[in-house]
Full PDB file with SEQRES, HELIX, SHEET, SSBOND, CRYST1, ORIGX, SCALE, CONECT and MASTER records, all heavy atoms in Angstrom:
SEQRES   1 A   42  ASN GLY GLY ARG VAL VAL ILE PHE GLY ASP TYR ASP VAL          
SEQRES   2 A   42  ASP GLY LEU THR ALA THR THR LEU LEU VAL HIS LEU PHE          
SEQRES   3 A   42  ARG SER LEU GLY VAL GLU PRO VAL PRO MET VAL PRO HIS          
SEQRES   4 A   42  ARG LEU ARG                                                  
HELIX    1 AA1 VAL A   13  SER A   28  1                                  16    
SHEET    1 AA1 2 ARG A   4  PHE A   8  0                                        
SHEET    2 AA1 2 GLU A  32  MET A  36  1                                        
CRYST1    1.000    1.000    1.000  90.00  90.00  90.00 P 1           1          
ORIGX1      1.000000  0.000000  0.000000        0.00000                         
ORIGX2      0.000000  1.000000  0.000000        0.00000                         
ORIGX3      0.000000  0.000000  1.000000        0.00000                         
SCALE1      1.000000  0.000000  0.000000        0.00000                         
SCALE2      0.000000  1.000000  0.000000        0.00000                         
SCALE3      0.000000  0.000000  1.000000        0.00000                         
ATOM      1  N   ASN A   1      -1.858  18.364   3.342  1.00  0.00           N  
ATOM      2  CA  ASN A   1      -0.912  18.601   4.426  1.00  0.00           C  
ATOM      3  C   ASN A   1       0.411  17.875   4.253  1.00  0.00           C  
ATOM      4  O   ASN A   1       1.403  18.223   4.895  1.00  0.00           O  
ATOM      5  CB  ASN A   1      -1.537  18.199   5.764  1.00  0.00           C  
ATOM      6  CG  ASN A   1      -2.767  19.024   6.084  1.00  0.00           C  
ATOM      7  OD1 ASN A   1      -2.932  20.131   5.555  1.00  0.00           O  
ATOM      8  ND2 ASN A   1      -3.625  18.497   6.941  1.00  0.00           N  
ATOM      9  N   GLY A   2       0.425  16.822   3.424  1.00  0.00           N  
ATOM     10  CA  GLY A   2       1.656  16.067   3.212  1.00  0.00           C  
ATOM     11  C   GLY A   2       1.898  15.047   4.316  1.00  0.00           C  
ATOM     12  O   GLY A   2       1.154  14.944   5.288  1.00  0.00           O  
ATOM     13  N   GLY A   3       2.947  14.266   4.144  1.00  0.00           N  
ATOM     14  CA  GLY A   3       3.295  13.227   5.110  1.00  0.00           C  
ATOM     15  C   GLY A   3       3.188  11.844   4.492  1.00  0.00           C  
ATOM     16  O   GLY A   3       2.751  11.678   3.357  1.00  0.00           O  
ATOM     17  N   ARG A   4       3.603  10.855   5.261  1.00  0.00           N  
ATOM     18  CA  ARG A   4       3.585   9.477   4.770  1.00  0.00           C  
ATOM     19  C   ARG A   4       2.248   8.806   5.072  1.00  0.00           C  
ATOM     20  O   ARG A   4       1.624   9.054   6.109  1.00  0.00           O  
ATOM     21  CB  ARG A   4       4.699   8.645   5.436  1.00  0.00           C  
ATOM     22  CG  ARG A   4       6.102   9.049   5.070  1.00  0.00           C  
ATOM     23  CD  ARG A   4       7.079   7.964   5.542  1.00  0.00           C  
ATOM     24  NE  ARG A   4       8.450   8.425   5.432  1.00  0.00           N  
ATOM     25  CZ  ARG A   4       9.141   8.975   6.423  1.00  0.00           C  
ATOM     26  NH1 ARG A   4       8.581   9.113   7.605  1.00  0.00           N  
ATOM     27  NH2 ARG A   4      10.382   9.373   6.237  1.00  0.00           N  
ATOM     28  N   VAL A   5       1.877   7.890   4.180  1.00  0.00           N  
ATOM     29  CA  VAL A   5       0.699   7.050   4.383  1.00  0.00           C  
ATOM     30  C   VAL A   5       1.156   5.597   4.330  1.00  0.00           C  
ATOM     31  O   VAL A   5       1.768   5.165   3.350  1.00  0.00           O  
ATOM     32  CB  VAL A   5      -0.365   7.300   3.296  1.00  0.00           C  
ATOM     33  CG1 VAL A   5      -1.519   6.306   3.438  1.00  0.00           C  
ATOM     34  CG2 VAL A   5      -0.873   8.722   3.371  1.00  0.00           C  
ATOM     35  N   VAL A   6       0.884   4.846   5.389  1.00  0.00           N  
ATOM     36  CA  VAL A   6       1.168   3.417   5.382  1.00  0.00           C  
ATOM     37  C   VAL A   6      -0.048   2.688   4.807  1.00  0.00           C  
ATOM     38  O   VAL A   6      -1.178   2.895   5.256  1.00  0.00           O  
ATOM     39  CB  VAL A   6       1.489   2.877   6.788  1.00  0.00           C  
ATOM     40  CG1 VAL A   6       1.530   1.343   6.785  1.00  0.00           C  
ATOM     41  CG2 VAL A   6       2.829   3.425   7.271  1.00  0.00           C  
ATOM     42  N   ILE A   7       0.203   1.857   3.807  1.00  0.00           N  
ATOM     43  CA  ILE A   7      -0.853   1.030   3.208  1.00  0.00           C  
ATOM     44  C   ILE A   7      -0.548  -0.411   3.578  1.00  0.00           C  
ATOM     45  O   ILE A   7       0.461  -0.979   3.149  1.00  0.00           O  
ATOM     46  CB  ILE A   7      -0.890   1.193   1.679  1.00  0.00           C  
ATOM     47  CG1 ILE A   7      -1.095   2.658   1.312  1.00  0.00           C  
ATOM     48  CG2 ILE A   7      -1.987   0.325   1.069  1.00  0.00           C  
ATOM     49  CD1 ILE A   7      -0.780   2.971  -0.139  1.00  0.00           C  
ATOM     50  N   PHE A   8      -1.419  -0.988   4.383  1.00  0.00           N  
ATOM     51  CA  PHE A   8      -1.214  -2.343   4.887  1.00  0.00           C  
ATOM     52  C   PHE A   8      -2.191  -3.277   4.191  1.00  0.00           C  
ATOM     53  O   PHE A   8      -3.406  -3.186   4.382  1.00  0.00           O  
ATOM     54  CB  PHE A   8      -1.417  -2.390   6.405  1.00  0.00           C  
ATOM     55  CG  PHE A   8      -1.040  -3.700   7.037  1.00  0.00           C  
ATOM     56  CD1 PHE A   8       0.211  -3.878   7.597  1.00  0.00           C  
ATOM     57  CD2 PHE A   8      -1.937  -4.757   7.067  1.00  0.00           C  
ATOM     58  CE1 PHE A   8       0.566  -5.093   8.186  1.00  0.00           C  
ATOM     59  CE2 PHE A   8      -1.596  -5.969   7.644  1.00  0.00           C  
ATOM     60  CZ  PHE A   8      -0.341  -6.141   8.215  1.00  0.00           C  
ATOM     61  N   GLY A   9      -1.672  -4.157   3.329  1.00  0.00           N  
ATOM     62  CA  GLY A   9      -2.526  -5.045   2.559  1.00  0.00           C  
ATOM     63  C   GLY A   9      -2.443  -6.476   3.026  1.00  0.00           C  
ATOM     64  O   GLY A   9      -1.964  -6.773   4.128  1.00  0.00           O  
ATOM     65  N   ASP A  10      -2.940  -7.377   2.188  1.00  0.00           N  
ATOM     66  CA  ASP A  10      -2.865  -8.807   2.477  1.00  0.00           C  
ATOM     67  C   ASP A  10      -1.881  -9.442   1.510  1.00  0.00           C  
ATOM     68  O   ASP A  10      -1.494  -8.847   0.498  1.00  0.00           O  
ATOM     69  CB  ASP A  10      -4.256  -9.441   2.345  1.00  0.00           C  
ATOM     70  CG  ASP A  10      -4.286 -10.886   2.812  1.00  0.00           C  
ATOM     71  OD1 ASP A  10      -3.470 -11.235   3.689  1.00  0.00           O  
ATOM     72  OD2 ASP A  10      -5.111 -11.667   2.303  1.00  0.00           O  
ATOM     73  N   TYR A  11      -1.512 -10.708   1.790  1.00  0.00           N  
ATOM     74  CA  TYR A  11      -0.484 -11.372   0.984  1.00  0.00           C  
ATOM     75  C   TYR A  11      -1.037 -12.093  -0.235  1.00  0.00           C  
ATOM     76  O   TYR A  11      -0.267 -12.659  -1.009  1.00  0.00           O  
ATOM     77  CB  TYR A  11       0.324 -12.351   1.842  1.00  0.00           C  
ATOM     78  CG  TYR A  11      -0.494 -13.189   2.793  1.00  0.00           C  
ATOM     79  CD1 TYR A  11      -1.409 -14.135   2.339  1.00  0.00           C  
ATOM     80  CD2 TYR A  11      -0.347 -13.028   4.169  1.00  0.00           C  
ATOM     81  CE1 TYR A  11      -2.149 -14.897   3.216  1.00  0.00           C  
ATOM     82  CE2 TYR A  11      -1.091 -13.782   5.057  1.00  0.00           C  
ATOM     83  CZ  TYR A  11      -1.993 -14.720   4.574  1.00  0.00           C  
ATOM     84  OH  TYR A  11      -2.732 -15.466   5.451  1.00  0.00           O  
ATOM     85  N   ASP A  12      -2.364 -12.116  -0.417  1.00  0.00           N  
ATOM     86  CA  ASP A  12      -2.895 -12.799  -1.602  1.00  0.00           C  
ATOM     87  C   ASP A  12      -3.038 -11.810  -2.761  1.00  0.00           C  
ATOM     88  O   ASP A  12      -2.743 -10.615  -2.627  1.00  0.00           O  
ATOM     89  CB  ASP A  12      -4.211 -13.516  -1.297  1.00  0.00           C  
ATOM     90  CG  ASP A  12      -5.370 -12.569  -1.020  1.00  0.00           C  
ATOM     91  OD1 ASP A  12      -5.199 -11.329  -1.104  1.00  0.00           O  
ATOM     92  OD2 ASP A  12      -6.476 -13.068  -0.719  1.00  0.00           O  
ATOM     93  N   VAL A  13      -3.500 -12.301  -3.912  1.00  0.00           N  
ATOM     94  CA  VAL A  13      -3.530 -11.461  -5.114  1.00  0.00           C  
ATOM     95  C   VAL A  13      -4.474 -10.279  -4.946  1.00  0.00           C  
ATOM     96  O   VAL A  13      -4.169  -9.161  -5.388  1.00  0.00           O  
ATOM     97  CB  VAL A  13      -3.929 -12.305  -6.348  1.00  0.00           C  
ATOM     98  CG1 VAL A  13      -4.026 -11.430  -7.586  1.00  0.00           C  
ATOM     99  CG2 VAL A  13      -2.911 -13.408  -6.582  1.00  0.00           C  
ATOM    100  N   ASP A  14      -5.619 -10.502  -4.315  1.00  0.00           N  
ATOM    101  CA  ASP A  14      -6.541  -9.398  -4.073  1.00  0.00           C  
ATOM    102  C   ASP A  14      -5.876  -8.316  -3.237  1.00  0.00           C  
ATOM    103  O   ASP A  14      -5.912  -7.122  -3.567  1.00  0.00           O  
ATOM    104  CB  ASP A  14      -7.797  -9.935  -3.376  1.00  0.00           C  
ATOM    105  CG  ASP A  14      -8.882  -8.883  -3.199  1.00  0.00           C  
ATOM    106  OD1 ASP A  14      -8.892  -7.890  -3.962  1.00  0.00           O  
ATOM    107  OD2 ASP A  14      -9.741  -9.066  -2.304  1.00  0.00           O  
ATOM    108  N   GLY A  15      -5.239  -8.716  -2.144  1.00  0.00           N  
ATOM    109  CA  GLY A  15      -4.571  -7.743  -1.296  1.00  0.00           C  
ATOM    110  C   GLY A  15      -3.400  -7.058  -1.973  1.00  0.00           C  
ATOM    111  O   GLY A  15      -3.181  -5.848  -1.818  1.00  0.00           O  
ATOM    112  N   LEU A  16      -2.645  -7.809  -2.756  1.00  0.00           N  
ATOM    113  CA  LEU A  16      -1.486  -7.234  -3.448  1.00  0.00           C  
ATOM    114  C   LEU A  16      -1.899  -6.230  -4.516  1.00  0.00           C  
ATOM    115  O   LEU A  16      -1.304  -5.152  -4.647  1.00  0.00           O  
ATOM    116  CB  LEU A  16      -0.651  -8.350  -4.069  1.00  0.00           C  
ATOM    117  CG  LEU A  16       0.067  -9.284  -3.091  1.00  0.00           C  
ATOM    118  CD1 LEU A  16       0.575 -10.525  -3.814  1.00  0.00           C  
ATOM    119  CD2 LEU A  16       1.221  -8.563  -2.403  1.00  0.00           C  
ATOM    120  N   THR A  17      -2.927  -6.577  -5.313  1.00  0.00           N  
ATOM    121  CA  THR A  17      -3.370  -5.641  -6.355  1.00  0.00           C  
ATOM    122  C   THR A  17      -4.030  -4.412  -5.737  1.00  0.00           C  
ATOM    123  O   THR A  17      -3.857  -3.296  -6.241  1.00  0.00           O  
ATOM    124  CB  THR A  17      -4.344  -6.338  -7.327  1.00  0.00           C  
ATOM    125  OG1 THR A  17      -5.408  -6.972  -6.591  1.00  0.00           O  
ATOM    126  CG2 THR A  17      -3.625  -7.369  -8.171  1.00  0.00           C  
ATOM    127  N   ALA A  18      -4.766  -4.606  -4.636  1.00  0.00           N  
ATOM    128  CA  ALA A  18      -5.382  -3.461  -3.964  1.00  0.00           C  
ATOM    129  C   ALA A  18      -4.330  -2.537  -3.378  1.00  0.00           C  
ATOM    130  O   ALA A  18      -4.430  -1.302  -3.473  1.00  0.00           O  
ATOM    131  CB  ALA A  18      -6.335  -3.956  -2.873  1.00  0.00           C  
ATOM    132  N   THR A  19      -3.296  -3.118  -2.778  1.00  0.00           N  
ATOM    133  CA  THR A  19      -2.201  -2.304  -2.227  1.00  0.00           C  
ATOM    134  C   THR A  19      -1.504  -1.525  -3.339  1.00  0.00           C  
ATOM    135  O   THR A  19      -1.210  -0.321  -3.191  1.00  0.00           O  
ATOM    136  CB  THR A  19      -1.195  -3.216  -1.503  1.00  0.00           C  
ATOM    137  OG1 THR A  19      -1.861  -3.906  -0.448  1.00  0.00           O  
ATOM    138  CG2 THR A  19      -0.036  -2.416  -0.939  1.00  0.00           C  
ATOM    139  N   THR A  20      -1.258  -2.184  -4.451  1.00  0.00           N  
ATOM    140  CA  THR A  20      -0.603  -1.527  -5.587  1.00  0.00           C  
ATOM    141  C   THR A  20      -1.453  -0.368  -6.102  1.00  0.00           C  
ATOM    142  O   THR A  20      -0.937   0.730  -6.378  1.00  0.00           O  
ATOM    143  CB  THR A  20      -0.366  -2.548  -6.713  1.00  0.00           C  
ATOM    144  OG1 THR A  20       0.442  -3.608  -6.214  1.00  0.00           O  
ATOM    145  CG2 THR A  20       0.326  -1.901  -7.901  1.00  0.00           C  
ATOM    146  N   LEU A  21      -2.756  -0.588  -6.245  1.00  0.00           N  
ATOM    147  CA  LEU A  21      -3.648   0.476  -6.712  1.00  0.00           C  
ATOM    148  C   LEU A  21      -3.565   1.689  -5.782  1.00  0.00           C  
ATOM    149  O   LEU A  21      -3.464   2.840  -6.244  1.00  0.00           O  
ATOM    150  CB  LEU A  21      -5.082  -0.060  -6.783  1.00  0.00           C  
ATOM    151  CG  LEU A  21      -6.157   0.811  -7.441  1.00  0.00           C  
ATOM    152  CD1 LEU A  21      -7.332  -0.059  -7.889  1.00  0.00           C  
ATOM    153  CD2 LEU A  21      -6.678   1.904  -6.521  1.00  0.00           C  
ATOM    154  N   LEU A  22      -3.602   1.441  -4.471  1.00  0.00           N  
ATOM    155  CA  LEU A  22      -3.579   2.560  -3.517  1.00  0.00           C  
ATOM    156  C   LEU A  22      -2.228   3.270  -3.516  1.00  0.00           C  
ATOM    157  O   LEU A  22      -2.168   4.498  -3.334  1.00  0.00           O  
ATOM    158  CB  LEU A  22      -3.921   2.054  -2.120  1.00  0.00           C  
ATOM    159  CG  LEU A  22      -5.375   1.586  -1.941  1.00  0.00           C  
ATOM    160  CD1 LEU A  22      -5.557   0.910  -0.594  1.00  0.00           C  
ATOM    161  CD2 LEU A  22      -6.336   2.770  -2.080  1.00  0.00           C  
ATOM    162  N   VAL A  23      -1.148   2.527  -3.714  1.00  0.00           N  
ATOM    163  CA  VAL A  23       0.165   3.181  -3.833  1.00  0.00           C  
ATOM    164  C   VAL A  23       0.162   4.163  -4.999  1.00  0.00           C  
ATOM    165  O   VAL A  23       0.602   5.315  -4.870  1.00  0.00           O  
ATOM    166  CB  VAL A  23       1.279   2.125  -4.005  1.00  0.00           C  
ATOM    167  CG1 VAL A  23       2.584   2.783  -4.463  1.00  0.00           C  
ATOM    168  CG2 VAL A  23       1.512   1.371  -2.700  1.00  0.00           C  
ATOM    169  N   HIS A  24      -0.363   3.724  -6.148  1.00  0.00           N  
ATOM    170  CA  HIS A  24      -0.428   4.613  -7.310  1.00  0.00           C  
ATOM    171  C   HIS A  24      -1.372   5.782  -7.067  1.00  0.00           C  
ATOM    172  O   HIS A  24      -1.096   6.909  -7.505  1.00  0.00           O  
ATOM    173  CB  HIS A  24      -0.859   3.823  -8.546  1.00  0.00           C  
ATOM    174  CG  HIS A  24       0.199   2.913  -9.083  1.00  0.00           C  
ATOM    175  ND1 HIS A  24       1.419   3.377  -9.517  1.00  0.00           N  
ATOM    176  CD2 HIS A  24       0.230   1.561  -9.253  1.00  0.00           C  
ATOM    177  CE1 HIS A  24       2.155   2.352  -9.935  1.00  0.00           C  
ATOM    178  NE2 HIS A  24       1.455   1.247  -9.783  1.00  0.00           N  
ATOM    179  N   LEU A  25      -2.471   5.532  -6.374  1.00  0.00           N  
ATOM    180  CA  LEU A  25      -3.409   6.615  -6.080  1.00  0.00           C  
ATOM    181  C   LEU A  25      -2.727   7.708  -5.263  1.00  0.00           C  
ATOM    182  O   LEU A  25      -2.817   8.903  -5.600  1.00  0.00           O  
ATOM    183  CB  LEU A  25      -4.616   6.044  -5.327  1.00  0.00           C  
ATOM    184  CG  LEU A  25      -5.744   7.013  -4.957  1.00  0.00           C  
ATOM    185  CD1 LEU A  25      -7.079   6.265  -4.924  1.00  0.00           C  
ATOM    186  CD2 LEU A  25      -5.518   7.656  -3.576  1.00  0.00           C  
ATOM    187  N   PHE A  26      -2.045   7.312  -4.186  1.00  0.00           N  
ATOM    188  CA  PHE A  26      -1.416   8.323  -3.330  1.00  0.00           C  
ATOM    189  C   PHE A  26      -0.247   9.001  -4.044  1.00  0.00           C  
ATOM    190  O   PHE A  26      -0.027  10.215  -3.873  1.00  0.00           O  
ATOM    191  CB  PHE A  26      -0.971   7.695  -2.007  1.00  0.00           C  
ATOM    192  CG  PHE A  26      -2.095   7.525  -1.030  1.00  0.00           C  
ATOM    193  CD1 PHE A  26      -2.650   6.284  -0.794  1.00  0.00           C  
ATOM    194  CD2 PHE A  26      -2.623   8.621  -0.363  1.00  0.00           C  
ATOM    195  CE1 PHE A  26      -3.692   6.117   0.093  1.00  0.00           C  
ATOM    196  CE2 PHE A  26      -3.667   8.488   0.534  1.00  0.00           C  
ATOM    197  CZ  PHE A  26      -4.221   7.226   0.769  1.00  0.00           C  
ATOM    198  N   ARG A  27       0.500   8.253  -4.837  1.00  0.00           N  
ATOM    199  CA  ARG A  27       1.577   8.894  -5.597  1.00  0.00           C  
ATOM    200  C   ARG A  27       1.015   9.932  -6.553  1.00  0.00           C  
ATOM    201  O   ARG A  27       1.613  11.006  -6.743  1.00  0.00           O  
ATOM    202  CB  ARG A  27       2.375   7.843  -6.359  1.00  0.00           C  
ATOM    203  CG  ARG A  27       3.334   7.042  -5.499  1.00  0.00           C  
ATOM    204  CD  ARG A  27       4.046   5.972  -6.316  1.00  0.00           C  
ATOM    205  NE  ARG A  27       5.020   5.225  -5.510  1.00  0.00           N  
ATOM    206  CZ  ARG A  27       5.614   4.116  -5.905  1.00  0.00           C  
ATOM    207  NH1 ARG A  27       5.367   3.613  -7.123  1.00  0.00           N  
ATOM    208  NH2 ARG A  27       6.464   3.499  -5.120  1.00  0.00           N  
ATOM    209  N   SER A  28      -0.126   9.626  -7.162  1.00  0.00           N  
ATOM    210  CA  SER A  28      -0.752  10.579  -8.084  1.00  0.00           C  
ATOM    211  C   SER A  28      -1.191  11.853  -7.370  1.00  0.00           C  
ATOM    212  O   SER A  28      -1.318  12.908  -7.994  1.00  0.00           O  
ATOM    213  CB  SER A  28      -1.958   9.934  -8.778  1.00  0.00           C  
ATOM    214  OG  SER A  28      -1.567   8.835  -9.564  1.00  0.00           O  
ATOM    215  N   LEU A  29      -1.419  11.753  -6.054  1.00  0.00           N  
ATOM    216  CA  LEU A  29      -1.813  12.914  -5.260  1.00  0.00           C  
ATOM    217  C   LEU A  29      -0.606  13.624  -4.640  1.00  0.00           C  
ATOM    218  O   LEU A  29      -0.773  14.589  -3.887  1.00  0.00           O  
ATOM    219  CB  LEU A  29      -2.773  12.482  -4.148  1.00  0.00           C  
ATOM    220  CG  LEU A  29      -4.144  11.951  -4.609  1.00  0.00           C  
ATOM    221  CD1 LEU A  29      -4.917  11.385  -3.415  1.00  0.00           C  
ATOM    222  CD2 LEU A  29      -4.939  13.046  -5.295  1.00  0.00           C  
ATOM    223  N   GLY A  30       0.600  13.128  -4.932  1.00  0.00           N  
ATOM    224  CA  GLY A  30       1.807  13.741  -4.382  1.00  0.00           C  
ATOM    225  C   GLY A  30       2.098  13.335  -2.958  1.00  0.00           C  
ATOM    226  O   GLY A  30       2.854  14.014  -2.253  1.00  0.00           O  
ATOM    227  N   VAL A  31       1.521  12.224  -2.512  1.00  0.00           N  
ATOM    228  CA  VAL A  31       1.715  11.738  -1.142  1.00  0.00           C  
ATOM    229  C   VAL A  31       2.650  10.536  -1.174  1.00  0.00           C  
ATOM    230  O   VAL A  31       2.573   9.687  -2.067  1.00  0.00           O  
ATOM    231  CB  VAL A  31       0.363  11.344  -0.515  1.00  0.00           C  
ATOM    232  CG1 VAL A  31       0.567  10.764   0.883  1.00  0.00           C  
ATOM    233  CG2 VAL A  31      -0.577  12.540  -0.468  1.00  0.00           C  
ATOM    234  N   GLU A  32       3.538  10.432  -0.168  1.00  0.00           N  
ATOM    235  CA  GLU A  32       4.486   9.320  -0.107  1.00  0.00           C  
ATOM    236  C   GLU A  32       3.822   8.095   0.536  1.00  0.00           C  
ATOM    237  O   GLU A  32       3.512   8.109   1.729  1.00  0.00           O  
ATOM    238  CB  GLU A  32       5.710   9.710   0.719  1.00  0.00           C  
ATOM    239  CG  GLU A  32       6.732   8.582   0.841  1.00  0.00           C  
ATOM    240  CD  GLU A  32       7.861   8.918   1.791  1.00  0.00           C  
ATOM    241  OE1 GLU A  32       7.922  10.063   2.288  1.00  0.00           O  
ATOM    242  OE2 GLU A  32       8.681   8.006   2.056  1.00  0.00           O  
ATOM    243  N   PRO A  33       3.614   7.019  -0.225  1.00  0.00           N  
ATOM    244  CA  PRO A  33       3.036   5.812   0.364  1.00  0.00           C  
ATOM    245  C   PRO A  33       4.120   4.854   0.842  1.00  0.00           C  
ATOM    246  O   PRO A  33       5.194   4.750   0.245  1.00  0.00           O  
ATOM    247  CB  PRO A  33       2.261   5.207  -0.809  1.00  0.00           C  
ATOM    248  CG  PRO A  33       3.040   5.619  -2.020  1.00  0.00           C  
ATOM    249  CD  PRO A  33       3.742   6.917  -1.690  1.00  0.00           C  
ATOM    250  N   VAL A  34       3.817   4.136   1.917  1.00  0.00           N  
ATOM    251  CA  VAL A  34       4.698   3.088   2.426  1.00  0.00           C  
ATOM    252  C   VAL A  34       3.890   1.790   2.428  1.00  0.00           C  
ATOM    253  O   VAL A  34       3.078   1.556   3.329  1.00  0.00           O  
ATOM    254  CB  VAL A  34       5.198   3.405   3.848  1.00  0.00           C  
ATOM    255  CG1 VAL A  34       6.106   2.272   4.356  1.00  0.00           C  
ATOM    256  CG2 VAL A  34       5.924   4.742   3.890  1.00  0.00           C  
ATOM    257  N   PRO A  35       4.069   0.935   1.418  1.00  0.00           N  
ATOM    258  CA  PRO A  35       3.286  -0.306   1.376  1.00  0.00           C  
ATOM    259  C   PRO A  35       3.871  -1.367   2.301  1.00  0.00           C  
ATOM    260  O   PRO A  35       5.094  -1.521   2.409  1.00  0.00           O  
ATOM    261  CB  PRO A  35       3.393  -0.724  -0.090  1.00  0.00           C  
ATOM    262  CG  PRO A  35       4.693  -0.151  -0.561  1.00  0.00           C  
ATOM    263  CD  PRO A  35       4.900   1.118   0.213  1.00  0.00           C  
ATOM    264  N   MET A  36       2.990  -2.117   2.950  1.00  0.00           N  
ATOM    265  CA  MET A  36       3.392  -3.219   3.817  1.00  0.00           C  
ATOM    266  C   MET A  36       2.440  -4.390   3.596  1.00  0.00           C  
ATOM    267  O   MET A  36       1.230  -4.195   3.455  1.00  0.00           O  
ATOM    268  CB  MET A  36       3.337  -2.809   5.306  1.00  0.00           C  
ATOM    269  CG  MET A  36       4.259  -1.690   5.701  1.00  0.00           C  
ATOM    270  SD  MET A  36       4.008  -1.182   7.441  1.00  0.00           S  
ATOM    271  CE  MET A  36       4.459  -2.687   8.302  1.00  0.00           C  
ATOM    272  N   VAL A  37       2.988  -5.597   3.554  1.00  0.00           N  
ATOM    273  CA  VAL A  37       2.155  -6.807   3.522  1.00  0.00           C  
ATOM    274  C   VAL A  37       2.725  -7.799   4.525  1.00  0.00           C  
ATOM    275  O   VAL A  37       3.948  -7.893   4.675  1.00  0.00           O  
ATOM    276  CB  VAL A  37       2.088  -7.446   2.113  1.00  0.00           C  
ATOM    277  CG1 VAL A  37       1.274  -6.587   1.171  1.00  0.00           C  
ATOM    278  CG2 VAL A  37       3.473  -7.705   1.552  1.00  0.00           C  
ATOM    279  N   PRO A  38       1.885  -8.533   5.241  1.00  0.00           N  
ATOM    280  CA  PRO A  38       2.385  -9.480   6.235  1.00  0.00           C  
ATOM    281  C   PRO A  38       2.949 -10.729   5.580  1.00  0.00           C  
ATOM    282  O   PRO A  38       2.610 -11.057   4.442  1.00  0.00           O  
ATOM    283  CB  PRO A  38       1.132  -9.815   7.054  1.00  0.00           C  
ATOM    284  CG  PRO A  38       0.002  -9.635   6.090  1.00  0.00           C  
ATOM    285  CD  PRO A  38       0.409  -8.497   5.192  1.00  0.00           C  
ATOM    286  N   HIS A  39       3.783 -11.433   6.313  1.00  0.00           N  
ATOM    287  CA  HIS A  39       4.303 -12.723   5.875  1.00  0.00           C  
ATOM    288  C   HIS A  39       3.295 -13.801   6.266  1.00  0.00           C  
ATOM    289  O   HIS A  39       2.828 -13.842   7.414  1.00  0.00           O  
ATOM    290  CB  HIS A  39       5.662 -12.992   6.537  1.00  0.00           C  
ATOM    291  CG  HIS A  39       6.400 -14.154   5.956  1.00  0.00           C  
ATOM    292  ND1 HIS A  39       6.096 -15.460   6.289  1.00  0.00           N  
ATOM    293  CD2 HIS A  39       7.422 -14.217   5.061  1.00  0.00           C  
ATOM    294  CE1 HIS A  39       6.897 -16.278   5.634  1.00  0.00           C  
ATOM    295  NE2 HIS A  39       7.719 -15.556   4.886  1.00  0.00           N  
ATOM    296  N   ARG A  40       2.960 -14.667   5.319  1.00  0.00           N  
ATOM    297  CA  ARG A  40       1.905 -15.658   5.556  1.00  0.00           C  
ATOM    298  C   ARG A  40       2.190 -16.518   6.794  1.00  0.00           C  
ATOM    299  O   ARG A  40       1.286 -16.760   7.608  1.00  0.00           O  
ATOM    300  CB  ARG A  40       1.748 -16.555   4.329  1.00  0.00           C  
ATOM    301  CG  ARG A  40       0.682 -17.625   4.476  1.00  0.00           C  
ATOM    302  CD  ARG A  40       0.664 -18.534   3.264  1.00  0.00           C  
ATOM    303  NE  ARG A  40       0.092 -17.892   2.104  1.00  0.00           N  
ATOM    304  CZ  ARG A  40      -1.197 -17.960   1.772  1.00  0.00           C  
ATOM    305  NH1 ARG A  40      -2.032 -18.639   2.533  1.00  0.00           N  
ATOM    306  NH2 ARG A  40      -1.628 -17.359   0.686  1.00  0.00           N  
ATOM    307  N   LEU A  41       3.420 -16.997   6.939  1.00  0.00           N  
ATOM    308  CA  LEU A  41       3.729 -17.914   8.032  1.00  0.00           C  
ATOM    309  C   LEU A  41       4.130 -17.195   9.314  1.00  0.00           C  
ATOM    310  O   LEU A  41       3.693 -17.552  10.402  1.00  0.00           O  
ATOM    311  CB  LEU A  41       4.838 -18.884   7.605  1.00  0.00           C  
ATOM    312  CG  LEU A  41       4.519 -19.760   6.392  1.00  0.00           C  
ATOM    313  CD1 LEU A  41       5.666 -20.725   6.124  1.00  0.00           C  
ATOM    314  CD2 LEU A  41       3.221 -20.539   6.603  1.00  0.00           C  
ATOM    315  N   ARG A  42       4.961 -16.161   9.211  1.00  0.00           N  
ATOM    316  CA  ARG A  42       5.438 -15.480  10.417  1.00  0.00           C  
ATOM    317  C   ARG A  42       4.366 -14.595  11.047  1.00  0.00           C  
ATOM    318  O   ARG A  42       4.263 -14.509  12.265  1.00  0.00           O  
ATOM    319  CB  ARG A  42       6.675 -14.632  10.100  1.00  0.00           C  
ATOM    320  CG  ARG A  42       7.908 -15.437   9.752  1.00  0.00           C  
ATOM    321  CD  ARG A  42       9.147 -14.557   9.820  1.00  0.00           C  
ATOM    322  NE  ARG A  42       9.097 -13.453   8.874  1.00  0.00           N  
ATOM    323  CZ  ARG A  42       9.601 -13.491   7.644  1.00  0.00           C  
ATOM    324  NH1 ARG A  42      10.187 -14.604   7.218  1.00  0.00           N  
ATOM    325  NH2 ARG A  42       9.532 -12.458   6.841  1.00  0.00           N  
TER     326      ARG A  42                                                      
MASTER        0    0    0    1    2    0    0    6  325    1    0    4          
END                                                                             
C-alpha cells in the first residue's frame, strides 16, 4: 500500500544496529522508513 514507516530504536549499539537493519529492510521493500532514536539524557 505504500506510506511511511517510523522505526523507533534505542540509543545503544543493539538498538542502533537493529534500527539500521530495519531501515535497510524497508528500503529493500520500496517503503520509506523514518528512523528515530531517543536522546539518552533528554
